[in-house]
């Protein structure tokens, strides 16, 4: 009674060789674990929704950055102290360089 083994058996009969969620669901049904299917499907749907939202946020930030770069290239300027959210994100992810040897550590 191994759902993974049953799922792999389904995959081995398919040409893709990839184990998918429906394969697992089918194996769970075959093993009479239907009580777990609805919560598992709900969790999978929530996970996929979160992933799509994150992808959309990333794409929106990229579009915003590209628009700011186009505006700057066309003579538009970003006011002093104003930065786009995409630029903020990039700066947060960049490692800080240590001060050169012999210089005071100013923060």
C-alpha atoms as a PDB file:
ATOM      1  CA  UNK A   1       0.000   0.000   0.000  1.00  0.00           C
ATOM      2  CA  UNK A   2       2.510   2.564  -1.196  1.00  0.00           C
ATOM      3  CA  UNK A   3       0.875   5.495  -3.035  1.00  0.00           C
ATOM      4  CA  UNK A   4       4.187   6.565  -4.522  1.00  0.00           C
ATOM      5  CA  UNK A   5       4.791   3.084  -5.900  1.00  0.00           C
ATOM      6  CA  UNK A   6       1.289   3.036  -7.406  1.00  0.00           C
ATOM      7  CA  UNK A   7       1.844   6.492  -8.909  1.00  0.00           C
ATOM      8  CA  UNK A   8       5.153   5.387 -10.391  1.00  0.00           C
ATOM      9  CA  UNK A   9       3.375   2.403 -11.946  1.00  0.00           C
ATOM     10  CA  UNK A  10       0.967   4.800 -13.669  1.00  0.00           C
ATOM     11  CA  UNK A  11       3.867   6.935 -14.881  1.00  0.00           C
ATOM     12  CA  UNK A  12       5.766   3.943 -16.195  1.00  0.00           C
ATOM     13  CA  UNK A  13       2.841   3.173 -18.501  1.00  0.00           C
ATOM     14  CA  UNK A  14       2.883   6.754 -19.806  1.00  0.00           C
ATOM     15  CA  UNK A  15       5.497   8.076 -22.180  1.00  0.00           C
ATOM     16  CA  UNK A  16       6.233  11.255 -20.192  1.00  0.00           C
ATOM     17  CA  UNK A  17       7.951   9.659 -17.219  1.00  0.00           C
ATOM     18  CA  UNK A  18       6.802  12.539 -15.025  1.00  0.00           C
ATOM     19  CA  UNK A  19       4.806  12.008 -11.860  1.00  0.00           C
ATOM     20  CA  UNK A  20       1.983  14.578 -11.717  1.00  0.00           C
ATOM     21  CA  UNK A  21      -0.600  15.512  -9.116  1.00  0.00           C
ATOM     22  CA  UNK A  22      -3.402  13.630 -10.918  1.00  0.00           C
ATOM     23  CA  UNK A  23      -1.215  10.495 -10.860  1.00  0.00           C
ATOM     24  CA  UNK A  24      -0.909  10.784  -7.088  1.00  0.00           C
ATOM     25  CA  UNK A  25      -4.626  11.478  -6.704  1.00  0.00           C
ATOM     26  CA  UNK A  26      -5.451   8.420  -8.779  1.00  0.00           C
ATOM     27  CA  UNK A  27      -3.156   6.235  -6.691  1.00  0.00           C
ATOM     28  CA  UNK A  28      -4.723   7.580  -3.491  1.00  0.00           C
ATOM     29  CA  UNK A  29      -8.191   6.725  -4.808  1.00  0.00           C
ATOM     30  CA  UNK A  30      -7.028   3.217  -5.730  1.00  0.00           C
ATOM     31  CA  UNK A  31      -5.749   2.782  -2.180  1.00  0.00           C
ATOM     32  CA  UNK A  32      -9.029   4.075  -0.708  1.00  0.00           C
ATOM     33  CA  UNK A  33      -7.559   7.270   0.761  1.00  0.00           C
ATOM     34  CA  UNK A  34     -10.369   9.432  -0.615  1.00  0.00           C
ATOM     35  CA  UNK A  35     -10.741  11.257   2.719  1.00  0.00           C
ATOM     36  CA  UNK A  36      -7.368  12.924   2.118  1.00  0.00           C
ATOM     37  CA  UNK A  37      -8.029  13.973  -1.464  1.00  0.00           C
ATOM     38  CA  UNK A  38     -10.121  17.102  -0.881  1.00  0.00           C
ATOM     39  CA  UNK A  39      -7.726  18.666   1.669  1.00  0.00           C
ATOM     40  CA  UNK A  40      -4.763  17.754  -0.538  1.00  0.00           C
ATOM     41  CA  UNK A  41      -6.386  19.243  -3.640  1.00  0.00           C
ATOM     42  CA  UNK A  42      -7.286  22.411  -1.701  1.00  0.00           C
ATOM     43  CA  UNK A  43      -3.696  22.758  -0.501  1.00  0.00           C
ATOM     44  CA  UNK A  44      -2.363  22.246  -4.011  1.00  0.00           C
ATOM     45  CA  UNK A  45      -4.740  24.887  -5.370  1.00  0.00           C
ATOM     46  CA  UNK A  46      -3.684  27.364  -2.653  1.00  0.00           C
ATOM     47  CA  UNK A  47      -0.010  26.693  -3.366  1.00  0.00           C
ATOM     48  CA  UNK A  48      -0.433  27.220  -7.099  1.00  0.00           C
ATOM     49  CA  UNK A  49      -2.388  30.410  -6.482  1.00  0.00           C
ATOM     50  CA  UNK A  50       0.394  31.787  -4.268  1.00  0.00           C
ATOM     51  CA  UNK A  51       2.990  30.889  -6.890  1.00  0.00           C
ATOM     52  CA  UNK A  52       1.001  32.665  -9.627  1.00  0.00           C
ATOM     53  CA  UNK A  53       0.580  35.770  -7.472  1.00  0.00           C
ATOM     54  CA  UNK A  54       4.308  35.878  -6.772  1.00  0.00           C
ATOM     55  CA  UNK A  55       5.051  35.512 -10.485  1.00  0.00           C
ATOM     56  CA  UNK A  56       2.624  38.346 -11.296  1.00  0.00           C
ATOM     57  CA  UNK A  57       4.215  40.633  -8.681  1.00  0.00           C
ATOM     58  CA  UNK A  58       7.665  39.939 -10.110  1.00  0.00           C
ATOM     59  CA  UNK A  59       6.476  40.664 -13.654  1.00  0.00           C
ATOM     60  CA  UNK A  60       4.827  43.911 -12.517  1.00  0.00           C
ATOM     61  CA  UNK A  61       8.051  45.053 -10.857  1.00  0.00           C
ATOM     62  CA  UNK A  62       9.989  44.225 -14.007  1.00  0.00           C
ATOM     63  CA  UNK A  63       7.539  46.222 -16.140  1.00  0.00           C
ATOM     64  CA  UNK A  64       7.772  49.125 -13.688  1.00  0.00           C
ATOM     65  CA  UNK A  65      11.561  49.092 -13.841  1.00  0.00           C
ATOM     66  CA  UNK A  66      11.564  48.952 -17.644  1.00  0.00           C
ATOM     67  CA  UNK A  67       9.129  51.872 -17.795  1.00  0.00           C
ATOM     68  CA  UNK A  68      11.352  53.900 -15.464  1.00  0.00           C
ATOM     69  CA  UNK A  69      14.398  53.103 -17.580  1.00  0.00           C
ATOM     70  CA  UNK A  70      12.553  54.130 -20.762  1.00  0.00           C
ATOM     71  CA  UNK A  71      11.436  57.366 -19.129  1.00  0.00           C
ATOM     72  CA  UNK A  72      14.994  58.096 -18.013  1.00  0.00           C
ATOM     73  CA  UNK A  73      16.289  57.346 -21.509  1.00  0.00           C
ATOM     74  CA  UNK A  74      13.722  59.661 -23.089  1.00  0.00           C
ATOM     75  CA  UNK A  75      14.793  62.586 -20.977  1.00  0.00           C
ATOM     76  CA  UNK A  76      12.504  61.914 -18.050  1.00  0.00           C
ATOM     77  CA  UNK A  77      14.084  61.950 -14.650  1.00  0.00           C
ATOM     78  CA  UNK A  78      13.384  60.365 -11.353  1.00  0.00           C
ATOM     79  CA  UNK A  79      13.200  62.964  -8.641  1.00  0.00           C
ATOM     80  CA  UNK A  80      15.946  62.880  -6.033  1.00  0.00           C
ATOM     81  CA  UNK A  81      15.031  60.460  -3.283  1.00  0.00           C
ATOM     82  CA  UNK A  82      12.487  58.614  -5.434  1.00  0.00           C
ATOM     83  CA  UNK A  83      13.212  55.092  -6.568  1.00  0.00           C
ATOM     84  CA  UNK A  84      11.018  52.448  -8.073  1.00  0.00           C
ATOM     85  CA  UNK A  85      10.042  49.363  -6.098  1.00  0.00           C
ATOM     86  CA  UNK A  86      12.088  47.241  -8.510  1.00  0.00           C
ATOM     87  CA  UNK A  87      15.222  49.271  -7.787  1.00  0.00           C
ATOM     88  CA  UNK A  88      14.604  48.940  -4.049  1.00  0.00           C
ATOM     89  CA  UNK A  89      14.345  45.170  -4.431  1.00  0.00           C
ATOM     90  CA  UNK A  90      17.566  44.997  -6.419  1.00  0.00           C
ATOM     91  CA  UNK A  91      19.474  47.014  -3.848  1.00  0.00           C
ATOM     92  CA  UNK A  92      18.264  44.821  -1.012  1.00  0.00           C
ATOM     93  CA  UNK A  93      19.543  41.697  -2.736  1.00  0.00           C
ATOM     94  CA  UNK A  94      23.021  43.065  -3.505  1.00  0.00           C
ATOM     95  CA  UNK A  95      25.775  42.232  -1.037  1.00  0.00           C
ATOM     96  CA  UNK A  96      27.453  45.196   0.609  1.00  0.00           C
ATOM     97  CA  UNK A  97      31.135  45.632  -0.110  1.00  0.00           C
ATOM     98  CA  UNK A  98      33.361  45.935   2.940  1.00  0.00           C
ATOM     99  CA  UNK A  99      35.200  49.235   3.384  1.00  0.00           C
ATOM    100  CA  UNK A 100      38.766  49.315   2.039  1.00  0.00           C
ATOM    101  CA  UNK A 101      41.502  48.402   4.533  1.00  0.00           C
ATOM    102  CA  UNK A 102      42.606  51.313   6.641  1.00  0.00           C
ATOM    103  CA  UNK A 103      39.424  53.355   6.135  1.00  0.00           C
ATOM    104  CA  UNK A 104      37.123  54.159   9.054  1.00  0.00           C
ATOM    105  CA  UNK A 105      33.963  52.051   9.188  1.00  0.00           C
ATOM    106  CA  UNK A 106      31.291  54.699   8.657  1.00  0.00           C
ATOM    107  CA  UNK A 107      27.595  53.795   8.764  1.00  0.00           C
END
